C-alpha cells in the first residue's frame, strides 16, 4: 500500500485564497472602510497572508509604513476584526469567511539581520581571502 506524502508547504489553493484575502484586506485598509482613528492615521502594508489547511483561519502579516506604532496598529486591527472579516467576505467569494489573525511582519528585520551579518569583518575577510586565492569559480558549478 503506497503512503501518501504530506506537502511541505502550502497548497496552490491555500496560496490563491491567501492572495485574494491579502488584496481584500489591503483594499479595505487603503479605502478607509473601517472607521478607526489608529487605522486611518497609518498607511499599513500587508505583504503576506497565510491560510490554514482548512481555509478557516487567515494570518495576515502587517507592517505600518516606516515600522512605526506596530503595537497600536495590531491592537486596532484586532478590535476591528469582525468588521474586517465582513468586508473580506464581501470581496472574496468563499463558502466560509475565514477568521482573521494579525501578526507583525518580521521579514524586514530578518533582511536587516542578514545584511548586518554580510557586512561583518569575518565575512569581509573570507571574501577577500577567496579573491586572493584566485578562487573565482562558481561553487555551484562544481
Protein backbone atom coordinates (compact mmCIF):
# COMPACT_ATOMS: atom_id res chain seq x y z
CA UNK A 1 0.00 0.00 0.00
CA UNK A 2 1.52 3.33 -1.08
CA UNK A 3 1.70 6.01 1.56
CA UNK A 4 0.59 9.48 0.67
CA UNK A 5 3.19 12.18 1.16
CA UNK A 6 2.16 15.31 3.01
CA UNK A 7 3.01 18.55 1.25
CA UNK A 8 5.85 20.51 2.79
CA UNK A 9 4.36 23.90 2.02
CA UNK A 10 1.01 25.48 1.33
CA UNK A 11 -1.09 24.09 -1.49
CA UNK A 12 -1.87 26.09 -4.61
CA UNK A 13 -5.41 26.64 -3.35
CA UNK A 14 -4.16 27.95 0.00
CA UNK A 15 -1.80 30.33 -1.80
CA UNK A 16 -4.50 31.53 -4.18
CA UNK A 17 -7.02 32.16 -1.37
CA UNK A 18 -4.34 33.83 0.77
CA UNK A 19 -3.51 36.21 -2.07
CA UNK A 20 -7.19 37.08 -2.59
CA UNK A 21 -7.59 37.79 1.11
CA UNK A 22 -4.37 39.84 1.18
CA UNK A 23 -5.70 42.02 -1.64
CA UNK A 24 -9.08 42.37 0.08
CA UNK A 25 -7.56 43.42 3.42
CA UNK A 26 -5.22 45.87 1.71
CA UNK A 27 -8.11 47.37 -0.24
CA UNK A 28 -10.26 47.77 2.88
CA UNK A 29 -7.40 49.47 4.74
CA UNK A 30 -6.47 51.67 1.78
CA UNK A 31 -10.02 52.85 1.16
CA UNK A 32 -10.61 53.57 4.86
CA UNK A 33 -13.73 51.39 5.02
CA UNK A 34 -13.04 50.67 8.71
CA UNK A 35 -13.65 53.72 10.86
CA UNK A 36 -10.85 53.70 13.43
CA UNK A 37 -8.60 56.67 14.25
CA UNK A 38 -5.48 54.50 14.59
CA UNK A 39 -6.04 52.73 11.27
CA UNK A 40 -6.89 55.92 9.40
CA UNK A 41 -3.74 57.61 10.77
CA UNK A 42 -1.39 54.94 9.37
CA UNK A 43 -0.51 53.53 5.99
CA UNK A 44 -0.46 49.76 6.51
CA UNK A 45 1.10 47.24 4.17
CA UNK A 46 0.02 43.60 4.06
CA UNK A 47 2.97 41.76 2.50
CA UNK A 48 1.69 38.27 3.18
CA UNK A 49 -1.32 36.23 4.29
CA UNK A 50 -1.08 32.57 5.20
CA UNK A 51 -4.08 30.25 5.25
CA UNK A 52 -4.69 27.23 7.44
CA UNK A 53 -5.13 23.93 5.62
CA UNK A 54 -8.92 24.05 6.06
CA UNK A 55 -9.02 27.72 4.86
CA UNK A 56 -10.83 28.80 8.03
CA UNK A 57 -8.01 30.87 9.51
CA UNK A 58 -6.09 33.60 7.72
CA UNK A 59 -2.96 35.01 9.35
CA UNK A 60 -2.18 38.43 7.92
CA UNK A 61 1.33 39.76 8.39
CA UNK A 62 1.19 43.54 8.55
CA UNK A 63 3.64 46.40 8.76
CA UNK A 64 2.80 50.08 9.28
CA UNK A 65 4.75 52.32 6.91
CA UNK A 66 8.14 53.04 8.42
CA UNK A 67 7.64 50.37 11.08
CA UNK A 68 6.18 52.94 13.47
CA UNK A 69 3.49 52.20 16.09
CA UNK A 70 3.20 48.49 15.33
CA UNK A 71 1.53 47.55 18.63
CA UNK A 72 -1.30 50.13 18.43
CA UNK A 73 -1.96 49.23 14.78
CA UNK A 74 -2.18 45.50 15.54
CA UNK A 75 -4.44 46.26 18.53
CA UNK A 76 -6.70 48.38 16.27
CA UNK A 77 -6.87 45.57 13.70
CA UNK A 78 -7.78 43.10 16.44
CA UNK A 79 -10.51 45.47 17.71
CA UNK A 80 -11.97 45.73 14.22
CA UNK A 81 -11.51 42.07 13.32
CA UNK A 82 -15.24 41.41 12.93
CA UNK A 83 -15.80 44.33 10.53
CA UNK A 84 -12.68 43.40 8.56
CA UNK A 85 -13.88 39.81 8.27
CA UNK A 86 -17.25 41.02 6.93
CA UNK A 87 -15.55 43.26 4.36
CA UNK A 88 -13.23 40.44 3.28
CA UNK A 89 -16.23 38.07 2.97
CA UNK A 90 -17.98 40.57 0.67
CA UNK A 91 -14.92 40.84 -1.57
CA UNK A 92 -13.79 37.20 -1.64
CA UNK A 93 -16.27 34.54 -2.68
CA UNK A 94 -15.68 31.62 -0.29
CA UNK A 95 -18.02 29.17 1.37
CA UNK A 96 -16.86 30.36 4.80
CA UNK A 97 -15.27 33.69 5.67
CA UNK A 98 -12.01 32.87 7.45
CA UNK A 99 -11.21 34.13 10.92
CA UNK A 100 -8.52 36.77 10.75
CA UNK A 101 -5.36 36.94 12.82
CA UNK A 102 -2.88 39.79 12.63
CA UNK A 103 0.84 39.50 13.26
CA UNK A 104 3.75 41.83 12.78
CA UNK A 105 5.74 41.11 9.60
CA UNK A 106 9.31 40.29 10.61
CA UNK A 107 10.79 39.82 7.13
CA UNK A 108 12.30 43.33 7.13
CA UNK A 109 14.03 42.60 10.45
CA UNK A 110 15.37 39.32 9.08
CA UNK A 111 16.68 41.06 5.96
CA UNK A 112 18.43 43.66 8.13
CA UNK A 113 19.96 40.91 10.27
CA UNK A 114 21.33 39.08 7.22
CA UNK A 115 22.61 42.34 5.76
CA UNK A 116 24.45 43.10 9.02
CA UNK A 117 25.97 39.60 9.01
CA UNK A 118 27.23 40.06 5.46
CA UNK A 119 28.93 43.32 6.48
CA UNK A 120 30.86 41.81 9.41
CA UNK A 121 34.66 41.80 9.36
CA UNK A 122 34.78 38.00 9.37
CA UNK A 123 32.71 37.70 6.18
CA UNK A 124 34.68 40.51 4.54
CA UNK A 125 37.95 38.74 5.43
CA UNK A 126 36.67 35.45 3.98
CA UNK A 127 35.63 37.14 0.74
CA UNK A 128 38.98 38.91 0.41
CA UNK A 129 40.86 35.66 1.11
CA UNK A 130 38.82 33.91 -1.57
CA UNK A 131 39.75 36.62 -4.09
CA UNK A 132 43.45 36.37 -3.17
CA UNK A 133 43.39 32.59 -3.62
CA UNK A 134 42.16 33.16 -7.15
CA UNK A 135 39.08 31.06 -6.49
CA UNK A 136 36.71 32.98 -8.73
CA UNK A 137 34.89 29.86 -9.88
CA UNK A 138 31.25 29.36 -9.09
CA UNK A 139 30.92 26.85 -6.20
CA UNK A 140 27.52 25.81 -7.56
CA UNK A 141 29.01 24.81 -10.92
CA UNK A 142 31.14 22.02 -9.42
